[in-house]
Amino acid sequence: MPRARILLSAMLLSLLGLSDATLAWTPELQERIAADAARLAPPDLARQLARHARELAAGAREPFTDAAPGDHYADPDGSGNLAEALRLEVDAAIEALRSRRTFAEIARRLGRVSHFAADLALPLHTSADDRAESRYYDDYLAYAEWARPRFAVVAYEHRPPLVGSGDVDRLVAEGLARGRAAYPGIGAEYRRIDFRSGIGRFDDRSTAFGVASLAYSGAVTDTARLQRYIWLAAGGADPRQAFSRARDRILVLDQGGAP
């Protein structure tokens, strides 16, 4: 996305009164994460999500305006309700399927699941230990959107399948651990460039790029795993081997690279 459009999007969000805590990934990236993960859904579900792409995208955007700020993050000190927000959305999606709600509604609910799974994968929403974070938070989100076309987007299959609510809890715990391990690297990169904008300054071999790329793929992977869990928990089937067991394999969705 051209730099001018990114900056304009950030300005519009500010004018709408959306705080840092509700910004998370940019709206464009939230939609992209939901769409990328939908490609990995069980076949019958994937077809329905393709037919209801608008509802899926709308659901991915909804939490920007209707969720409490604390629902978007989970800090080590216990503040933030991200884990609970994600669990509630997962349960609501399962219930919608079991109740045979329209697929338009189900797609919207799965978009909401994707939004909070993406929040979980964003290191800036797993810790607030860096007192200087406010100096680069917005810029890093804009940078991630600018760099997205060059990400190698993959899904990881090395984790065991989700078969129960305890597995969802484990997904949350593992996501928070990964985010908190990566978190310091972002601040270090901004200190390296004296807190100027990373757009046009971080190259594709930088830690900043690597963290954003891995976080994006982590968001896609966890969303896809949750979609499969929700579908099976509601009585659906998945004839594929993908995400059915832990195995040393990576699914490549987008090779990325230079434009």
Protein backbone atom coordinates (compact mmCIF):
# COMPACT_ATOMS: atom_id res chain seq x y z
CA MET A 1 0.00 0.00 0.00
CA PRO A 2 1.37 3.46 -0.86
CA ARG A 3 2.71 5.37 2.11
CA ALA A 4 0.18 8.21 1.69
CA ARG A 5 -2.74 5.80 2.00
CA ILE A 6 -1.28 4.18 5.11
CA LEU A 7 -0.80 7.53 6.81
CA LEU A 8 -4.28 8.65 5.79
CA SER A 9 -5.77 5.45 7.28
CA ALA A 10 -3.98 6.12 10.57
CA MET A 11 -5.25 9.71 10.62
CA LEU A 12 -8.83 8.63 9.93
CA LEU A 13 -8.72 6.05 12.74
CA SER A 14 -7.46 8.77 15.07
CA LEU A 15 -10.28 11.11 14.04
CA LEU A 16 -12.79 8.31 14.68
CA GLY A 17 -11.50 8.06 18.22
CA LEU A 18 -9.97 4.61 17.98
CA SER A 19 -7.30 4.30 20.63
CA ASP A 20 -4.01 2.45 20.33
CA ALA A 21 -5.45 -0.49 22.23
CA THR A 22 -8.20 -0.99 19.65
CA LEU A 23 -6.04 -0.48 16.57
CA ALA A 24 -4.12 -3.76 16.61
CA TRP A 25 -3.20 -4.77 13.07
CA THR A 26 -4.54 -2.25 10.58
CA PRO A 27 -8.06 -2.94 9.24
CA GLU A 28 -6.55 -3.89 5.89
CA LEU A 29 -4.31 -6.50 7.51
CA GLN A 30 -7.10 -7.85 9.70
CA GLU A 31 -9.10 -8.53 6.55
CA ARG A 32 -6.10 -10.09 4.81
CA ILE A 33 -5.38 -12.40 7.75
CA ALA A 34 -9.00 -13.60 7.81
CA ALA A 35 -8.99 -14.18 4.04
CA ASP A 36 -5.65 -16.00 4.06
CA ALA A 37 -6.77 -18.27 6.90
CA ALA A 38 -10.07 -19.01 5.14
CA ARG A 39 -8.07 -20.62 2.33
CA LEU A 40 -6.93 -23.22 4.89
CA ALA A 41 -10.38 -23.98 6.34
CA PRO A 42 -11.97 -27.43 5.92
CA PRO A 43 -13.20 -27.69 2.31
CA ASP A 44 -16.95 -27.26 2.95
CA LEU A 45 -16.33 -24.32 5.25
CA ALA A 46 -13.77 -22.78 2.90
CA ARG A 47 -16.34 -22.75 0.09
CA GLN A 48 -18.87 -20.97 2.27
CA LEU A 49 -16.32 -18.42 3.44
CA ALA A 50 -15.39 -17.70 -0.17
CA ARG A 51 -19.07 -17.09 -0.94
CA HIS A 52 -19.39 -14.81 2.07
CA ALA A 53 -16.10 -12.98 1.79
CA ARG A 54 -17.74 -9.62 2.53
CA GLU A 55 -19.24 -10.88 5.78
CA LEU A 56 -15.92 -12.44 6.78
CA ALA A 57 -14.16 -9.12 6.17
CA ALA A 58 -16.85 -7.21 8.05
CA GLY A 59 -16.45 -9.52 11.03
CA ALA A 60 -12.70 -9.00 11.01
CA ARG A 61 -13.28 -5.24 11.28
CA GLU A 62 -16.13 -5.24 13.83
CA PRO A 63 -14.02 -5.47 17.00
CA PHE A 64 -12.34 -2.17 16.12
CA THR A 65 -15.53 -0.40 17.19
CA ASP A 66 -17.60 -2.74 19.36
CA ALA A 67 -15.06 -4.40 21.66
CA ALA A 68 -13.69 -2.95 24.88
CA PRO A 69 -10.09 -1.73 24.58
CA GLY A 70 -8.89 -4.34 27.06
CA ASP A 71 -10.20 -7.15 24.88
CA HIS A 72 -7.37 -6.57 22.42
CA TYR A 73 -4.34 -7.20 24.62
CA ALA A 74 -2.98 -9.36 27.45
CA ASP A 75 -0.01 -8.01 29.37
CA PRO A 76 2.21 -10.05 31.70
CA ASP A 77 0.86 -8.16 34.73
CA GLY A 78 -2.59 -9.63 34.11
CA SER A 79 -4.18 -6.57 32.54
CA GLY A 80 -6.17 -7.05 29.36
CA ASN A 81 -8.90 -9.54 28.48
CA LEU A 82 -7.70 -10.82 25.12
CA ALA A 83 -7.69 -14.48 26.12
CA GLU A 84 -11.27 -14.33 27.38
CA ALA A 85 -12.43 -12.34 24.36
CA LEU A 86 -11.01 -14.93 21.99
CA ARG A 87 -12.55 -17.84 23.91
CA LEU A 88 -15.96 -16.14 23.88
CA GLU A 89 -15.81 -15.59 20.12
CA VAL A 90 -14.79 -19.21 19.54
CA ASP A 91 -17.71 -20.46 21.64
CA ALA A 92 -20.13 -18.09 19.89
CA ALA A 93 -19.02 -19.35 16.47
CA ILE A 94 -19.52 -22.98 17.55
CA GLU A 95 -22.99 -22.17 18.84
CA ALA A 96 -23.89 -20.34 15.62
CA LEU A 97 -22.99 -23.43 13.60
CA ARG A 98 -24.80 -25.81 15.92
CA SER A 99 -27.89 -23.60 15.80
CA ARG A 100 -27.77 -23.64 11.99
CA ARG A 101 -27.54 -19.88 11.66
CA THR A 102 -27.02 -18.48 8.20
CA PHE A 103 -23.54 -18.77 6.74
CA ALA A 104 -23.50 -15.01 6.39
CA GLU A 105 -23.63 -14.77 10.19
CA ILE A 106 -21.19 -17.65 10.65
CA ALA A 107 -18.69 -15.98 8.30
CA ARG A 108 -19.02 -12.75 10.25
CA ARG A 109 -18.41 -14.58 13.52
CA LEU A 110 -15.37 -16.33 12.10
CA GLY A 111 -14.07 -12.93 11.04
CA ARG A 112 -14.31 -11.86 14.67
CA VAL A 113 -12.43 -14.98 15.77
CA SER A 114 -9.73 -14.09 13.24
CA HIS A 115 -9.47 -10.55 14.61
CA PHE A 116 -8.72 -11.66 18.15
CA ALA A 117 -6.45 -14.50 17.03
CA ALA A 118 -4.52 -11.88 15.06
CA ASP A 119 -4.33 -9.65 18.14
CA LEU A 120 -2.86 -12.61 20.01
CA ALA A 121 -0.14 -13.00 17.37
CA LEU A 122 0.87 -9.32 17.50
CA PRO A 123 3.79 -8.93 19.95
CA LEU A 124 2.78 -5.35 20.79
CA HIS A 125 -0.44 -6.72 22.29
CA THR A 126 1.25 -9.24 24.55
CA SER A 127 3.38 -6.86 26.61
CA ALA A 128 3.74 -3.20 27.54
CA ASP A 129 7.12 -3.39 29.24
CA ASP A 130 8.75 -0.83 26.95
CA ARG A 131 7.91 2.64 28.23
CA ALA A 132 8.80 4.08 24.83
CA GLU A 133 6.30 1.87 22.99
CA SER A 134 3.94 4.79 22.31
CA ARG A 135 6.68 6.35 20.19
CA TYR A 136 6.56 3.56 17.62
CA TYR A 137 3.32 1.60 18.12
CA ASP A 138 1.29 3.24 15.35
CA ASP A 139 4.25 3.35 12.99
CA TYR A 140 4.99 -0.34 13.38
CA LEU A 141 1.43 -1.25 12.41
CA ALA A 142 1.66 1.00 9.35
CA TYR A 143 5.07 -0.49 8.57
CA ALA A 144 3.65 -4.04 8.76
CA GLU A 145 0.95 -3.15 6.26
CA TRP A 146 3.50 -1.53 3.95
CA ALA A 147 5.76 -4.59 4.16
CA ARG A 148 2.99 -7.22 3.85
CA PRO A 149 3.38 -7.82 0.08
CA ARG A 150 6.92 -9.03 0.74
CA PHE A 151 6.03 -11.45 3.54
CA ALA A 152 6.40 -15.14 2.88
CA VAL A 153 3.03 -16.20 4.29
CA VAL A 154 3.03 -19.75 5.65
CA ALA A 155 1.03 -21.97 7.97
CA TYR A 156 2.82 -24.14 10.50
CA GLU A 157 1.69 -27.72 11.16
CA HIS A 158 4.12 -28.68 13.91
CA ARG A 159 1.61 -28.12 16.73
CA PRO A 160 -0.93 -30.79 17.76
CA PRO A 161 -4.56 -30.36 16.65
CA LEU A 162 -7.14 -28.51 18.72
CA VAL A 163 -9.70 -31.00 20.02
CA GLY A 164 -11.02 -29.38 23.19
CA SER A 165 -11.30 -26.15 25.14
CA GLY A 166 -8.05 -26.92 26.93
CA ASP A 167 -6.29 -26.92 23.59
CA VAL A 168 -7.65 -23.43 22.88
CA ASP A 169 -6.20 -22.34 26.21
CA ARG A 170 -2.87 -23.83 25.15
CA LEU A 171 -3.01 -21.96 21.84
CA VAL A 172 -3.50 -18.72 23.78
CA ALA A 173 -0.64 -19.46 26.17
CA GLU A 174 1.74 -20.37 23.34
CA GLY A 175 0.76 -17.27 21.37
CA LEU A 176 1.43 -15.00 24.34
CA ALA A 177 4.79 -16.67 24.95
CA ARG A 178 5.86 -16.17 21.33
CA GLY A 179 4.74 -12.56 21.33
CA ARG A 180 6.52 -11.71 24.55
CA ALA A 181 9.74 -13.30 23.30
CA ALA A 182 9.61 -11.19 20.13
CA TYR A 183 8.42 -7.96 21.78
CA PRO A 184 11.81 -6.48 22.80
CA GLY A 185 13.15 -6.77 19.26
CA ILE A 186 10.66 -4.21 17.95
CA GLY A 187 11.70 -1.51 20.40
CA ALA A 188 15.37 -2.25 19.75
CA GLU A 189 14.84 -1.69 16.03
CA TYR A 190 13.19 1.70 16.62
CA ARG A 191 15.98 2.79 18.90
CA ARG A 192 18.40 1.85 16.13
CA ILE A 193 16.69 4.36 13.79
CA ASP A 194 16.17 6.99 16.54
CA PHE A 195 12.41 6.37 16.65
CA ARG A 196 11.87 7.58 13.09
CA SER A 197 9.36 5.83 10.83
CA GLY A 198 10.32 2.31 9.86
CA ILE A 199 8.66 2.67 6.46
CA GLY A 200 11.46 2.86 3.96
CA ARG A 201 14.12 2.41 6.68
CA PHE A 202 13.75 -1.18 7.87
CA ASP A 203 15.05 -3.49 5.18
CA ASP A 204 13.74 -6.99 4.62
CA ARG A 205 16.62 -8.54 6.55
CA SER A 206 15.86 -6.53 9.68
CA THR A 207 14.45 -7.88 12.93
CA ALA A 208 11.51 -5.54 12.46
CA PHE A 209 10.59 -7.21 9.17
CA GLY A 210 11.18 -10.71 10.53
CA VAL A 211 8.99 -10.16 13.59
CA ALA A 212 6.15 -8.70 11.52
CA SER A 213 6.34 -11.50 8.95
CA LEU A 214 6.41 -14.27 11.55
CA ALA A 215 3.60 -12.65 13.51
CA TYR A 216 1.46 -12.42 10.38
CA SER A 217 1.99 -16.09 9.56
CA GLY A 218 1.35 -16.95 13.20
CA ALA A 219 -1.98 -15.11 13.02
CA VAL A 220 -2.97 -16.96 9.85
CA THR A 221 -1.93 -20.32 11.33
CA ASP A 222 -3.80 -19.87 14.61
CA THR A 223 -6.90 -18.58 12.85
CA ALA A 224 -6.90 -21.59 10.52
CA ARG A 225 -6.44 -23.98 13.44
CA LEU A 226 -9.33 -22.34 15.28
CA GLN A 227 -11.55 -22.49 12.21
CA ARG A 228 -10.97 -26.22 11.96
CA TYR A 229 -11.62 -26.68 15.68
CA ILE A 230 -14.86 -24.69 15.50
CA TRP A 231 -16.06 -26.58 12.43
CA LEU A 232 -15.39 -30.01 13.95
CA ALA A 233 -16.78 -29.06 17.36
CA ALA A 234 -20.06 -28.11 15.65
CA GLY A 235 -20.29 -31.46 13.85
CA GLY A 236 -18.51 -30.70 10.58
CA ALA A 237 -15.94 -32.92 8.89
CA ASP A 238 -12.49 -32.37 7.48
CA PRO A 239 -11.13 -35.11 5.20
CA ARG A 240 -7.70 -33.47 4.88
CA GLN A 241 -4.59 -34.20 6.87
CA ALA A 242 -3.80 -30.51 7.35
CA PHE A 243 -3.83 -29.58 11.05
CA SER A 244 -5.07 -33.08 11.93
CA ARG A 245 -1.80 -34.00 13.64
CA ALA A 246 1.53 -32.43 14.44
CA ARG A 247 3.99 -32.89 11.63
CA ASP A 248 7.12 -31.21 10.36
CA ARG A 249 5.56 -29.40 7.43
CA ILE A 250 4.95 -25.81 6.35
CA LEU A 251 2.16 -24.82 3.98
CA VAL A 252 3.15 -21.90 1.77
CA LEU A 253 0.34 -19.51 0.87
CA ASP A 254 2.38 -16.66 -0.54
CA GLN A 255 6.09 -16.73 -1.31
CA GLY A 256 6.34 -12.95 -0.95
CA GLY A 257 9.53 -11.25 -2.00
CA ALA A 258 10.40 -8.06 -3.80
CA PRO A 259 7.53 -6.39 -5.70
